[in-house]
Amino acid sequence: MAAHTLDARGSACPMPIVKTAQAFKTLAVGDTLEILATDRGAVSDVPAWCTFTGNELIEQSEEEGPVFRFLVRKAS
């Protein structure tokens, strides 16, 4: 279960990543963030952002809608 949720559904690229970066500024190290997005670009953008920033992508899935769900842990 995520400590925080970011609802980026309906946002087009690059907004899901911009909103994720903004949300991460408010999190403590070790906190988890659930990201919900409808932009198909997030499927590649969120994992790439995690690699670039050193944060941990714990889980990635696609739900009905389609809604793309990511669970990310703040590493530093």
PDB file of N, CA and C in Angstrom:
ATOM      1  N   MET A   1       0.843  -1.192   0.000  1.00  0.00           N
ATOM      2  CA  MET A   1       0.000   0.000   0.000  1.00  0.00           C
ATOM      3  C   MET A   1       0.880   1.245   0.000  1.00  0.00           C
ATOM      4  N   ALA A   2       0.526   2.206  -0.816  1.00  0.00           N
ATOM      5  CA  ALA A   2       1.303   3.437  -0.937  1.00  0.00           C
ATOM      6  C   ALA A   2       0.962   4.405   0.185  1.00  0.00           C
ATOM      7  N   ALA A   3       1.968   5.138   0.620  1.00  0.00           N
ATOM      8  CA  ALA A   3       1.762   6.171   1.638  1.00  0.00           C
ATOM      9  C   ALA A   3       1.045   7.378   1.047  1.00  0.00           C
ATOM     10  N   HIS A   4       1.279   7.623  -0.257  1.00  0.00           N
ATOM     11  CA  HIS A   4       0.715   8.788  -0.934  1.00  0.00           C
ATOM     12  C   HIS A   4       0.259   8.376  -2.333  1.00  0.00           C
ATOM     13  N   THR A   5      -0.710   9.101  -2.874  1.00  0.00           N
ATOM     14  CA  THR A   5      -1.193   8.832  -4.228  1.00  0.00           C
ATOM     15  C   THR A   5      -1.176  10.117  -5.038  1.00  0.00           C
ATOM     16  N   LEU A   6      -0.688  10.006  -6.276  1.00  0.00           N
ATOM     17  CA  LEU A   6      -0.709  11.108  -7.229  1.00  0.00           C
ATOM     18  C   LEU A   6      -1.631  10.696  -8.367  1.00  0.00           C
ATOM     19  N   ASP A   7      -2.709  11.425  -8.549  1.00  0.00           N
ATOM     20  CA  ASP A   7      -3.651  11.146  -9.624  1.00  0.00           C
ATOM     21  C   ASP A   7      -3.311  12.043 -10.809  1.00  0.00           C
ATOM     22  N   ALA A   8      -2.602  11.474 -11.777  1.00  0.00           N
ATOM     23  CA  ALA A   8      -2.214  12.223 -12.977  1.00  0.00           C
ATOM     24  C   ALA A   8      -3.062  11.791 -14.177  1.00  0.00           C
ATOM     25  N   ARG A   9      -4.194  11.144 -13.907  1.00  0.00           N
ATOM     26  CA  ARG A   9      -5.077  10.727 -15.000  1.00  0.00           C
ATOM     27  C   ARG A   9      -5.575  11.957 -15.738  1.00  0.00           C
ATOM     28  N   GLY A  10      -5.576  11.866 -17.068  1.00  0.00           N
ATOM     29  CA  GLY A  10      -6.025  12.974 -17.898  1.00  0.00           C
ATOM     30  C   GLY A  10      -4.920  13.956 -18.246  1.00  0.00           C
ATOM     31  N   SER A  11      -3.754  13.807 -17.662  1.00  0.00           N
ATOM     32  CA  SER A  11      -2.616  14.686 -17.950  1.00  0.00           C
ATOM     33  C   SER A  11      -1.796  14.090 -19.086  1.00  0.00           C
ATOM     34  N   ALA A  12      -1.419  14.942 -20.037  1.00  0.00           N
ATOM     35  CA  ALA A  12      -0.595  14.494 -21.163  1.00  0.00           C
ATOM     36  C   ALA A  12       0.876  14.731 -20.859  1.00  0.00           C
ATOM     37  N   CYS A  13       1.717  14.002 -21.551  1.00  0.00           N
ATOM     38  CA  CYS A  13       3.167  14.123 -21.416  1.00  0.00           C
ATOM     39  C   CYS A  13       3.577  15.582 -21.633  1.00  0.00           C
ATOM     40  N   PRO A  14       4.407  16.129 -20.793  1.00  0.00           N
ATOM     41  CA  PRO A  14       5.235  15.534 -19.752  1.00  0.00           C
ATOM     42  C   PRO A  14       4.653  15.687 -18.348  1.00  0.00           C
ATOM     43  N   MET A  15       3.389  16.056 -18.231  1.00  0.00           N
ATOM     44  CA  MET A  15       2.825  16.403 -16.919  1.00  0.00           C
ATOM     45  C   MET A  15       2.853  15.280 -15.877  1.00  0.00           C
ATOM     46  N   PRO A  16       2.629  14.005 -16.229  1.00  0.00           N
ATOM     47  CA  PRO A  16       2.733  12.985 -15.188  1.00  0.00           C
ATOM     48  C   PRO A  16       4.116  12.970 -14.508  1.00  0.00           C
ATOM     49  N   ILE A  17       5.179  13.172 -15.288  1.00  0.00           N
ATOM     50  CA  ILE A  17       6.527  13.195 -14.720  1.00  0.00           C
ATOM     51  C   ILE A  17       6.764  14.493 -13.954  1.00  0.00           C
ATOM     52  N   VAL A  18       6.289  15.603 -14.472  1.00  0.00           N
ATOM     53  CA  VAL A  18       6.435  16.888 -13.774  1.00  0.00           C
ATOM     54  C   VAL A  18       5.730  16.819 -12.419  1.00  0.00           C
ATOM     55  N   LYS A  19       4.512  16.276 -12.411  1.00  0.00           N
ATOM     56  CA  LYS A  19       3.756  16.160 -11.156  1.00  0.00           C
ATOM     57  C   LYS A  19       4.418  15.172 -10.196  1.00  0.00           C
ATOM     58  N   THR A  20       5.008  14.104 -10.744  1.00  0.00           N
ATOM     59  CA  THR A  20       5.716  13.137  -9.911  1.00  0.00           C
ATOM     60  C   THR A  20       6.921  13.791  -9.249  1.00  0.00           C
ATOM     61  N   ALA A  21       7.700  14.526 -10.011  1.00  0.00           N
ATOM     62  CA  ALA A  21       8.882  15.204  -9.462  1.00  0.00           C
ATOM     63  C   ALA A  21       8.477  16.197  -8.374  1.00  0.00           C
ATOM     64  N   GLN A  22       7.392  16.929  -8.594  1.00  0.00           N
ATOM     65  CA  GLN A  22       6.911  17.878  -7.584  1.00  0.00           C
ATOM     66  C   GLN A  22       6.470  17.148  -6.322  1.00  0.00           C
ATOM     67  N   ALA A  23       5.756  16.044  -6.484  1.00  0.00           N
ATOM     68  CA  ALA A  23       5.279  15.277  -5.330  1.00  0.00           C
ATOM     69  C   ALA A  23       6.443  14.704  -4.535  1.00  0.00           C
ATOM     70  N   PHE A  24       7.487  14.270  -5.222  1.00  0.00           N
ATOM     71  CA  PHE A  24       8.630  13.667  -4.538  1.00  0.00           C
ATOM     72  C   PHE A  24       9.364  14.664  -3.648  1.00  0.00           C
ATOM     73  N   LYS A  25       9.275  15.936  -3.963  1.00  0.00           N
ATOM     74  CA  LYS A  25       9.924  16.963  -3.135  1.00  0.00           C
ATOM     75  C   LYS A  25       9.309  17.019  -1.737  1.00  0.00           C
ATOM     76  N   THR A  26       8.079  16.562  -1.592  1.00  0.00           N
ATOM     77  CA  THR A  26       7.392  16.633  -0.299  1.00  0.00           C
ATOM     78  C   THR A  26       7.496  15.336   0.496  1.00  0.00           C
ATOM     79  N   LEU A  27       8.080  14.291  -0.094  1.00  0.00           N
ATOM     80  CA  LEU A  27       8.143  12.980   0.551  1.00  0.00           C
ATOM     81  C   LEU A  27       9.441  12.809   1.338  1.00  0.00           C
ATOM     82  N   ALA A  28       9.371  11.974   2.349  1.00  0.00           N
ATOM     83  CA  ALA A  28      10.563  11.597   3.101  1.00  0.00           C
ATOM     84  C   ALA A  28      11.191  10.374   2.442  1.00  0.00           C
ATOM     85  N   VAL A  29      12.496  10.193   2.655  1.00  0.00           N
ATOM     86  CA  VAL A  29      13.185   9.021   2.139  1.00  0.00           C
ATOM     87  C   VAL A  29      12.483   7.769   2.665  1.00  0.00           C
ATOM     88  N   GLY A  30      12.209   6.826   1.774  1.00  0.00           N
ATOM     89  CA  GLY A  30      11.523   5.590   2.135  1.00  0.00           C
ATOM     90  C   GLY A  30      10.028   5.631   1.906  1.00  0.00           C
ATOM     91  N   ASP A  31       9.458   6.834   1.748  1.00  0.00           N
ATOM     92  CA  ASP A  31       8.026   6.946   1.456  1.00  0.00           C
ATOM     93  C   ASP A  31       7.728   6.364   0.084  1.00  0.00           C
ATOM     94  N   THR A  32       6.501   5.885  -0.087  1.00  0.00           N
ATOM     95  CA  THR A  32       6.070   5.356  -1.372  1.00  0.00           C
ATOM     96  C   THR A  32       4.987   6.245  -1.965  1.00  0.00           C
ATOM     97  N   LEU A  33       5.001   6.319  -3.278  1.00  0.00           N
ATOM     98  CA  LEU A  33       4.031   7.116  -4.018  1.00  0.00           C
ATOM     99  C   LEU A  33       3.392   6.236  -5.082  1.00  0.00           C
ATOM    100  N   GLU A  34       2.057   6.184  -5.067  1.00  0.00           N
ATOM    101  CA  GLU A  34       1.307   5.515  -6.120  1.00  0.00           C
ATOM    102  C   GLU A  34       0.990   6.580  -7.163  1.00  0.00           C
ATOM    103  N   ILE A  35       1.333   6.302  -8.409  1.00  0.00           N
ATOM    104  CA  ILE A  35       1.077   7.231  -9.510  1.00  0.00           C
ATOM    105  C   ILE A  35       0.057   6.580 -10.428  1.00  0.00           C
ATOM    106  N   LEU A  36      -1.022   7.301 -10.712  1.00  0.00           N
ATOM    107  CA  LEU A  36      -2.053   6.841 -11.637  1.00  0.00           C
ATOM    108  C   LEU A  36      -2.020   7.752 -12.862  1.00  0.00           C
ATOM    109  N   ALA A  37      -1.894   7.170 -14.046  1.00  0.00           N
ATOM    110  CA  ALA A  37      -1.804   7.965 -15.274  1.00  0.00           C
ATOM    111  C   ALA A  37      -2.579   7.285 -16.390  1.00  0.00           C
ATOM    112  N   THR A  38      -3.080   8.098 -17.311  1.00  0.00           N
ATOM    113  CA  THR A  38      -3.752   7.563 -18.491  1.00  0.00           C
ATOM    114  C   THR A  38      -2.915   7.785 -19.743  1.00  0.00           C
ATOM    115  N   ASP A  39      -1.865   8.578 -19.643  1.00  0.00           N
ATOM    116  CA  ASP A  39      -0.973   8.842 -20.764  1.00  0.00           C
ATOM    117  C   ASP A  39      -0.076   7.626 -20.998  1.00  0.00           C
ATOM    118  N   ARG A  40      -0.196   7.000 -22.157  1.00  0.00           N
ATOM    119  CA  ARG A  40       0.574   5.798 -22.469  1.00  0.00           C
ATOM    120  C   ARG A  40       2.082   6.051 -22.376  1.00  0.00           C
ATOM    121  N   GLY A  41       2.511   7.280 -22.586  1.00  0.00           N
ATOM    122  CA  GLY A  41       3.929   7.609 -22.480  1.00  0.00           C
ATOM    123  C   GLY A  41       4.491   7.358 -21.094  1.00  0.00           C
ATOM    124  N   ALA A  42       3.623   7.369 -20.087  1.00  0.00           N
ATOM    125  CA  ALA A  42       4.079   7.141 -18.715  1.00  0.00           C
ATOM    126  C   ALA A  42       4.659   5.736 -18.543  1.00  0.00           C
ATOM    127  N   VAL A  43       4.240   4.796 -19.392  1.00  0.00           N
ATOM    128  CA  VAL A  43       4.729   3.421 -19.303  1.00  0.00           C
ATOM    129  C   VAL A  43       6.251   3.371 -19.458  1.00  0.00           C
ATOM    130  N   SER A  44       6.788   4.221 -20.305  1.00  0.00           N
ATOM    131  CA  SER A  44       8.247   4.281 -20.453  1.00  0.00           C
ATOM    132  C   SER A  44       8.848   5.429 -19.657  1.00  0.00           C
ATOM    133  N   ASP A  45       8.097   6.515 -19.490  1.00  0.00           N
ATOM    134  CA  ASP A  45       8.631   7.698 -18.813  1.00  0.00           C
ATOM    135  C   ASP A  45       8.873   7.485 -17.321  1.00  0.00           C
ATOM    136  N   VAL A  46       7.953   6.844 -16.623  1.00  0.00           N
ATOM    137  CA  VAL A  46       8.098   6.667 -15.170  1.00  0.00           C
ATOM    138  C   VAL A  46       9.296   5.772 -14.843  1.00  0.00           C
ATOM    139  N   PRO A  47       9.452   4.601 -15.493  1.00  0.00           N
ATOM    140  CA  PRO A  47      10.645   3.801 -15.214  1.00  0.00           C
ATOM    141  C   PRO A  47      11.946   4.545 -15.560  1.00  0.00           C
ATOM    142  N   ALA A  48      11.947   5.297 -16.656  1.00  0.00           N
ATOM    143  CA  ALA A  48      13.143   6.057 -17.041  1.00  0.00           C
ATOM    144  C   ALA A  48      13.444   7.129 -16.000  1.00  0.00           C
ATOM    145  N   TRP A  49      12.408   7.803 -15.496  1.00  0.00           N
ATOM    146  CA  TRP A  49      12.592   8.830 -14.460  1.00  0.00           C
ATOM    147  C   TRP A  49      13.159   8.192 -13.193  1.00  0.00           C
ATOM    148  N   CYS A  50      12.666   7.024 -12.823  1.00  0.00           N
ATOM    149  CA  CYS A  50      13.174   6.326 -11.640  1.00  0.00           C
ATOM    150  C   CYS A  50      14.659   5.996 -11.800  1.00  0.00           C
ATOM    151  N   THR A  51      15.033   5.483 -12.953  1.00  0.00           N
ATOM    152  CA  THR A  51      16.437   5.169 -13.216  1.00  0.00           C
ATOM    153  C   THR A  51      17.289   6.435 -13.152  1.00  0.00           C
ATOM    154  N   PHE A  52      16.817   7.499 -13.768  1.00  0.00           N
ATOM    155  CA  PHE A  52      17.563   8.765 -13.816  1.00  0.00           C
ATOM    156  C   PHE A  52      17.737   9.375 -12.429  1.00  0.00           C
ATOM    157  N   THR A  53      16.703   9.283 -11.591  1.00  0.00           N
ATOM    158  CA  THR A  53      16.736   9.919 -10.266  1.00  0.00           C
ATOM    159  C   THR A  53      17.221   8.993  -9.163  1.00  0.00           C
ATOM    160  N   GLY A  54      17.307   7.701  -9.442  1.00  0.00           N
ATOM    161  CA  GLY A  54      17.750   6.746  -8.433  1.00  0.00           C
ATOM    162  C   GLY A  54      16.652   6.275  -7.504  1.00  0.00           C
ATOM    163  N   ASN A  55      15.402   6.614  -7.816  1.00  0.00           N
ATOM    164  CA  ASN A  55      14.277   6.132  -7.011  1.00  0.00           C
ATOM    165  C   ASN A  55      13.895   4.730  -7.470  1.00  0.00           C
ATOM    166  N   GLU A  56      13.202   3.990  -6.608  1.00  0.00           N
ATOM    167  CA  GLU A  56      12.922   2.577  -6.861  1.00  0.00           C
ATOM    168  C   GLU A  56      11.506   2.365  -7.379  1.00  0.00           C
ATOM    169  N   LEU A  57      11.410   1.809  -8.581  1.00  0.00           N
ATOM    170  CA  LEU A  57      10.121   1.407  -9.130  1.00  0.00           C
ATOM    171  C   LEU A  57       9.792   0.042  -8.543  1.00  0.00           C
ATOM    172  N   ILE A  58       8.827   0.001  -7.651  1.00  0.00           N
ATOM    173  CA  ILE A  58       8.466  -1.231  -6.954  1.00  0.00           C
ATOM    174  C   ILE A  58       7.498  -2.070  -7.777  1.00  0.00           C
ATOM    175  N   GLU A  59       6.568  -1.386  -8.421  1.00  0.00           N
ATOM    176  CA  GLU A  59       5.494  -2.106  -9.119  1.00  0.00           C
ATOM    177  C   GLU A  59       4.990  -1.253 -10.271  1.00  0.00           C
ATOM    178  N   GLN A  60       4.595  -1.935 -11.353  1.00  0.00           N
ATOM    179  CA  GLN A  60       4.007  -1.262 -12.509  1.00  0.00           C
ATOM    180  C   GLN A  60       2.916  -2.169 -13.048  1.00  0.00           C
ATOM    181  N   SER A  61       1.726  -1.605 -13.285  1.00  0.00           N
ATOM    182  CA  SER A  61       0.640  -2.421 -13.819  1.00  0.00           C
ATOM    183  C   SER A  61      -0.287  -1.567 -14.671  1.00  0.00           C
ATOM    184  N   GLU A  62      -1.129  -2.236 -15.432  1.00  0.00           N
ATOM    185  CA  GLU A  62      -2.141  -1.566 -16.248  1.00  0.00           C
ATOM    186  C   GLU A  62      -3.496  -2.055 -15.785  1.00  0.00           C
ATOM    187  N   GLU A  63      -4.376  -1.112 -15.477  1.00  0.00           N
ATOM    188  CA  GLU A  63      -5.719  -1.444 -15.020  1.00  0.00           C
ATOM    189  C   GLU A  63      -6.726  -1.010 -16.074  1.00  0.00           C
ATOM    190  N   GLU A  64      -7.984  -1.279 -15.822  1.00  0.00           N
ATOM    191  CA  GLU A  64      -9.028  -0.923 -16.783  1.00  0.00           C
ATOM    192  C   GLU A  64      -9.061   0.566 -17.038  1.00  0.00           C
ATOM    193  N   GLY A  65      -9.370   0.916 -18.279  1.00  0.00           N
ATOM    194  CA  GLY A  65      -9.535   2.330 -18.586  1.00  0.00           C
ATOM    195  C   GLY A  65      -8.854   2.772 -19.862  1.00  0.00           C
ATOM    196  N   PRO A  66      -7.626   2.519 -20.204  1.00  0.00           N
ATOM    197  CA  PRO A  66      -6.615   1.945 -19.322  1.00  0.00           C
ATOM    198  C   PRO A  66      -6.028   3.007 -18.382  1.00  0.00           C
ATOM    199  N   VAL A  67      -5.737   2.575 -17.184  1.00  0.00           N
ATOM    200  CA  VAL A  67      -5.037   3.401 -16.204  1.00  0.00           C
ATOM    201  C   VAL A  67      -3.735   2.683 -15.886  1.00  0.00           C
ATOM    202  N   PHE A  68      -2.648   3.416 -16.003  1.00  0.00           N
ATOM    203  CA  PHE A  68      -1.338   2.863 -15.700  1.00  0.00           C
ATOM    204  C   PHE A  68      -1.007   3.215 -14.254  1.00  0.00           C
ATOM    205  N   ARG A  69      -0.620   2.196 -13.480  1.00  0.00           N
ATOM    206  CA  ARG A  69      -0.356   2.377 -12.050  1.00  0.00           C
ATOM    207  C   ARG A  69       1.101   2.054 -11.771  1.00  0.00           C
ATOM    208  N   PHE A  70       1.735   2.940 -11.028  1.00  0.00           N
ATOM    209  CA  PHE A  70       3.137   2.760 -10.653  1.00  0.00           C
ATOM    210  C   PHE A  70       3.255   2.952  -9.152  1.00  0.00           C
ATOM    211  N   LEU A  71       4.114   2.183  -8.527  1.00  0.00           N
ATOM    212  CA  LEU A  71       4.415   2.344  -7.110  1.00  0.00           C
ATOM    213  C   LEU A  71       5.915   2.592  -7.033  1.00  0.00           C
ATOM    214  N   VAL A  72       6.280   3.767  -6.497  1.00  0.00           N
ATOM    215  CA  VAL A  72       7.673   4.195  -6.474  1.00  0.00           C
ATOM    216  C   VAL A  72       8.073   4.552  -5.041  1.00  0.00           C
ATOM    217  N   ARG A  73       9.275   4.112  -4.644  1.00  0.00           N
ATOM    218  CA  ARG A  73       9.816   4.444  -3.314  1.00  0.00           C
ATOM    219  C   ARG A  73      10.898   5.493  -3.463  1.00  0.00           C
ATOM    220  N   LYS A  74      10.830   6.527  -2.621  1.00  0.00           N
ATOM    221  CA  LYS A  74      11.847   7.581  -2.629  1.00  0.00           C
ATOM    222  C   LYS A  74      13.134   7.041  -2.026  1.00  0.00           C
ATOM    223  N   ALA A  75      14.212   7.112  -2.786  1.00  0.00           N
ATOM    224  CA  ALA A  75      15.481   6.540  -2.368  1.00  0.00           C
ATOM    225  C   ALA A  75      16.364   7.562  -1.632  1.00  0.00           C
ATOM    226  N   SER A  76      16.308   8.802  -2.053  1.00  0.00           N
ATOM    227  CA  SER A  76      17.170   9.807  -1.391  1.00  0.00           C
ATOM    228  C   SER A  76      16.589  11.198  -1.547  1.00  0.00           C
TER     229      SER A  76
END
